[in-house]
C-alpha atoms as a PDB file:
ATOM      1  CA  MET A   1      24.647   4.273  50.513  1.00  0.00           C
ATOM      2  CA  MET A   2      22.380   5.347  47.665  1.00  0.00           C
ATOM      3  CA  PRO A   3      18.920   3.363  47.003  1.00  0.00           C
ATOM      4  CA  ALA A   4      18.588   1.262  44.224  1.00  0.00           C
ATOM      5  CA  TYR A   5      16.389   3.667  42.270  1.00  0.00           C
ATOM      6  CA  ALA A   6      18.300   7.026  42.809  1.00  0.00           C
ATOM      7  CA  ALA A   7      20.050   6.989  39.729  1.00  0.00           C
ATOM      8  CA  VAL A   8      16.695   6.397  37.741  1.00  0.00           C
ATOM      9  CA  TYR A   9      15.325   9.501  39.978  1.00  0.00           C
ATOM     10  CA  ALA A  10      18.055  11.211  39.010  1.00  0.00           C
ATOM     11  CA  MET A  11      17.811  10.753  34.952  1.00  0.00           C
ATOM     12  CA  VAL A  12      14.270  11.741  35.395  1.00  0.00           C
ATOM     13  CA  LEU A  13      14.628  14.885  37.303  1.00  0.00           C
ATOM     14  CA  LEU A  14      17.502  16.023  35.306  1.00  0.00           C
ATOM     15  CA  GLY A  15      15.370  15.233  31.817  1.00  0.00           C
ATOM     16  CA  VAL A  16      12.523  17.084  33.179  1.00  0.00           C
ATOM     17  CA  ALA A  17      14.337  19.897  34.121  1.00  0.00           C
ATOM     18  CA  PHE A  18      16.598  19.899  31.106  1.00  0.00           C
ATOM     19  CA  ALA A  19      12.723  20.161  28.720  1.00  0.00           C
ATOM     20  CA  ALA A  20      11.561  22.791  31.176  1.00  0.00           C
ATOM     21  CA  VAL A  21      14.672  24.921  31.247  1.00  0.00           C
ATOM     22  CA  THR A  22      14.609  24.503  27.315  1.00  0.00           C
ATOM     23  CA  LEU A  23      11.223  25.625  26.898  1.00  0.00           C
ATOM     24  CA  ILE A  24      11.488  28.402  29.230  1.00  0.00           C
ATOM     25  CA  ALA A  25      14.746  29.629  27.539  1.00  0.00           C
ATOM     26  CA  ALA A  26      12.815  29.559  24.275  1.00  0.00           C
ATOM     27  CA  LYS A  27       9.855  31.668  25.006  1.00  0.00           C
ATOM     28  CA  LEU A  28      12.016  34.196  26.637  1.00  0.00           C
ATOM     29  CA  LEU A  29      14.513  34.553  23.952  1.00  0.00           C
ATOM     30  CA  ARG A  30      12.651  34.209  20.900  1.00  0.00           C
ATOM     31  CA  PRO A  31      11.471  37.547  18.915  1.00  0.00           C
ATOM     32  CA  LYS A  32       8.100  38.860  20.230  1.00  0.00           C
ATOM     33  CA  VAL A  33       6.334  39.832  16.816  1.00  0.00           C
ATOM     34  CA  GLU A  34       2.650  39.261  16.757  1.00  0.00           C
ATOM     35  CA  TYR A  35       0.668  40.465  13.756  1.00  0.00           C
ATOM     36  CA  ALA A  36      -2.057  38.861  12.252  1.00  0.00           C
ATOM     37  CA  ARG A  37      -0.453  37.546   9.479  1.00  0.00           C
ATOM     38  CA  LYS A  38       2.221  35.528  11.496  1.00  0.00           C
ATOM     39  CA  LEU A  39      -0.590  33.822  13.154  1.00  0.00           C
ATOM     40  CA  THR A  40      -2.377  32.794   9.978  1.00  0.00           C
ATOM     41  CA  THR A  41      -2.203  29.317   8.976  1.00  0.00           C
ATOM     42  CA  TYR A  42       0.746  28.991   6.292  1.00  0.00           C
ATOM     43  CA  GLU A  43      -0.623  27.270   3.098  1.00  0.00           C
ATOM     44  CA  CYS A  44       2.385  27.454   0.896  1.00  0.00           C
ATOM     45  CA  GLY A  45       1.792  30.959  -0.046  1.00  0.00           C
ATOM     46  CA  MET A  46      -1.442  30.196  -1.446  1.00  0.00           C
ATOM     47  CA  PRO A  47      -4.587  31.472   0.074  1.00  0.00           C
ATOM     48  CA  ALA A  48      -6.766  28.903   1.747  1.00  0.00           C
ATOM     49  CA  VAL A  49      -9.875  27.853  -0.007  1.00  0.00           C
ATOM     50  CA  GLY A  50     -12.697  26.014   1.216  1.00  0.00           C
ATOM     51  CA  THR A  51     -12.707  23.808   4.345  1.00  0.00           C
ATOM     52  CA  THR A  52      -9.636  22.739   6.269  1.00  0.00           C
ATOM     53  CA  GLU A  53     -11.484  19.401   6.886  1.00  0.00           C
ATOM     54  CA  VAL A  54     -10.144  16.429   5.143  1.00  0.00           C
ATOM     55  CA  LYS A  55     -11.900  12.887   4.767  1.00  0.00           C
ATOM     56  CA  LEU A  56      -9.533  10.554   5.162  1.00  0.00           C
ATOM     57  CA  ASN A  57     -10.149   7.092   3.841  1.00  0.00           C
ATOM     58  CA  ILE A  58     -10.213   4.574   7.019  1.00  0.00           C
ATOM     59  CA  ARG A  59      -8.271   1.940   4.702  1.00  0.00           C
ATOM     60  CA  PHE A  60      -5.237   4.299   4.957  1.00  0.00           C
ATOM     61  CA  TYR A  61      -5.627   3.816   9.227  1.00  0.00           C
ATOM     62  CA  VAL A  62      -5.766   0.167   8.907  1.00  0.00           C
ATOM     63  CA  PHE A  63      -2.972  -0.665   6.591  1.00  0.00           C
ATOM     64  CA  ALA A  64      -1.072   1.724   8.739  1.00  0.00           C
ATOM     65  CA  LEU A  65      -2.111  -0.129  12.011  1.00  0.00           C
ATOM     66  CA  LEU A  66      -1.553  -3.583  10.666  1.00  0.00           C
ATOM     67  CA  PHE A  67       2.207  -2.322   9.509  1.00  0.00           C
ATOM     68  CA  VAL A  68       2.968  -1.174  12.712  1.00  0.00           C
ATOM     69  CA  LEU A  69       1.513  -4.647  14.351  1.00  0.00           C
ATOM     70  CA  PHE A  70       3.676  -6.622  12.058  1.00  0.00           C
ATOM     71  CA  ASP A  71       6.598  -4.668  12.581  1.00  0.00           C
ATOM     72  CA  ALA A  72       6.230  -4.889  16.395  1.00  0.00           C
ATOM     73  CA  GLU A  73       6.222  -8.562  15.931  1.00  0.00           C
ATOM     74  CA  THR A  74       9.681  -8.370  14.462  1.00  0.00           C
ATOM     75  CA  LEU A  75      10.689  -6.698  17.520  1.00  0.00           C
ATOM     76  CA  PHE A  76       9.743  -9.802  19.720  1.00  0.00           C
ATOM     77  CA  VAL A  77      10.983 -12.403  17.020  1.00  0.00           C
ATOM     78  CA  TYR A  78      14.307 -10.884  16.155  1.00  0.00           C
ATOM     79  CA  PRO A  79      16.015 -11.285  19.636  1.00  0.00           C
ATOM     80  CA  TRP A  80      14.124 -14.839  20.233  1.00  0.00           C
ATOM     81  CA  ALA A  81      15.792 -16.264  16.835  1.00  0.00           C
ATOM     82  CA  VAL A  82      18.929 -14.979  17.856  1.00  0.00           C
ATOM     83  CA  ALA A  83      18.889 -16.578  21.356  1.00  0.00           C
ATOM     84  CA  THR A  84      16.873 -19.753  19.937  1.00  0.00           C
ATOM     85  CA  LYS A  85      19.587 -22.258  21.498  1.00  0.00           C
ATOM     86  CA  SER A  86      19.857 -20.854  24.921  1.00  0.00           C
ATOM     87  CA  VAL A  87      16.095 -20.284  25.290  1.00  0.00           C
ATOM     88  CA  GLY A  88      14.807 -24.158  25.754  1.00  0.00           C
ATOM     89  CA  PRO A  89      11.651 -25.954  24.643  1.00  0.00           C
ATOM     90  CA  VAL A  90       9.048 -24.314  26.442  1.00  0.00           C
ATOM     91  CA  ALA A  91      10.327 -20.943  24.679  1.00  0.00           C
ATOM     92  CA  ILE A  92      10.116 -22.318  21.678  1.00  0.00           C
ATOM     93  CA  VAL A  93       6.407 -23.649  21.997  1.00  0.00           C
ATOM     94  CA  GLU A  94       5.584 -20.184  23.626  1.00  0.00           C
ATOM     95  CA  MET A  95       6.938 -18.476  19.994  1.00  0.00           C
ATOM     96  CA  GLY A  96       5.194 -21.043  17.838  1.00  0.00           C
ATOM     97  CA  ILE A  97       1.643 -19.788  20.026  1.00  0.00           C
ATOM     98  CA  PHE A  98       2.596 -16.222  19.260  1.00  0.00           C
ATOM     99  CA  LEU A  99       3.380 -16.732  15.538  1.00  0.00           C
ATOM    100  CA  THR A 100       0.488 -18.556  14.838  1.00  0.00           C
ATOM    101  CA  ILE A 101      -2.151 -16.083  17.038  1.00  0.00           C
ATOM    102  CA  LEU A 102      -0.178 -13.410  14.536  1.00  0.00           C
ATOM    103  CA  PHE A 103      -0.715 -15.685  11.402  1.00  0.00           C
ATOM    104  CA  LEU A 104      -4.196 -16.106  12.194  1.00  0.00           C
ATOM    105  CA  GLY A 105      -4.532 -12.245  12.550  1.00  0.00           C
ATOM    106  CA  LEU A 106      -2.805 -11.583   9.239  1.00  0.00           C
ATOM    107  CA  ALA A 107      -5.175 -14.235   7.625  1.00  0.00           C
ATOM    108  CA  TYR A 108      -8.239 -12.776   9.135  1.00  0.00           C
ATOM    109  CA  ALA A 109      -7.196  -9.038   7.897  1.00  0.00           C
ATOM    110  CA  TRP A 110      -6.928 -10.695   4.424  1.00  0.00           C
ATOM    111  CA  VAL A 111     -10.039 -12.398   3.857  1.00  0.00           C
ATOM    112  CA  LYS A 112     -11.592  -9.326   5.325  1.00  0.00           C
ATOM    113  CA  GLY A 113      -9.673  -7.180   2.600  1.00  0.00           C
ATOM    114  CA  ALA A 114      -7.643  -5.128   4.524  1.00  0.00           C
ATOM    115  CA  LEU A 115      -4.447  -5.651   2.716  1.00  0.00           C
ATOM    116  CA  GLN A 116      -5.970  -4.675  -0.960  1.00  0.00           C
ATOM    117  CA  TRP A 117      -4.796  -1.228  -2.056  1.00  0.00           C
ATOM    118  CA  GLU A 118      -7.245   0.134  -4.376  1.00  0.00           C
END
């Protein structure tokens, strides 16, 4: 008789083995052409001018983080909404608390100006 997690271990082992074999095969089969031009940074055919450091505005990061946060909320709310009749009143109260916390977070971000795109 197989242990309960034998299938999980087998799939993890198979995944790691597949990744290792693929990387090793790519290393062995690729053409070995090494010259200076190949090792340089590709800049769309134009010579690189200036520094490669780019200052990114923090608003882009905050906006993306807020998007991911509220997008992940949908992952929790949608299955709950589909099964709302079978979860009972305790789960409805818990989802109300969850949505209230998310709404307060959205209101805080709105007041702080994180949602303004300038």
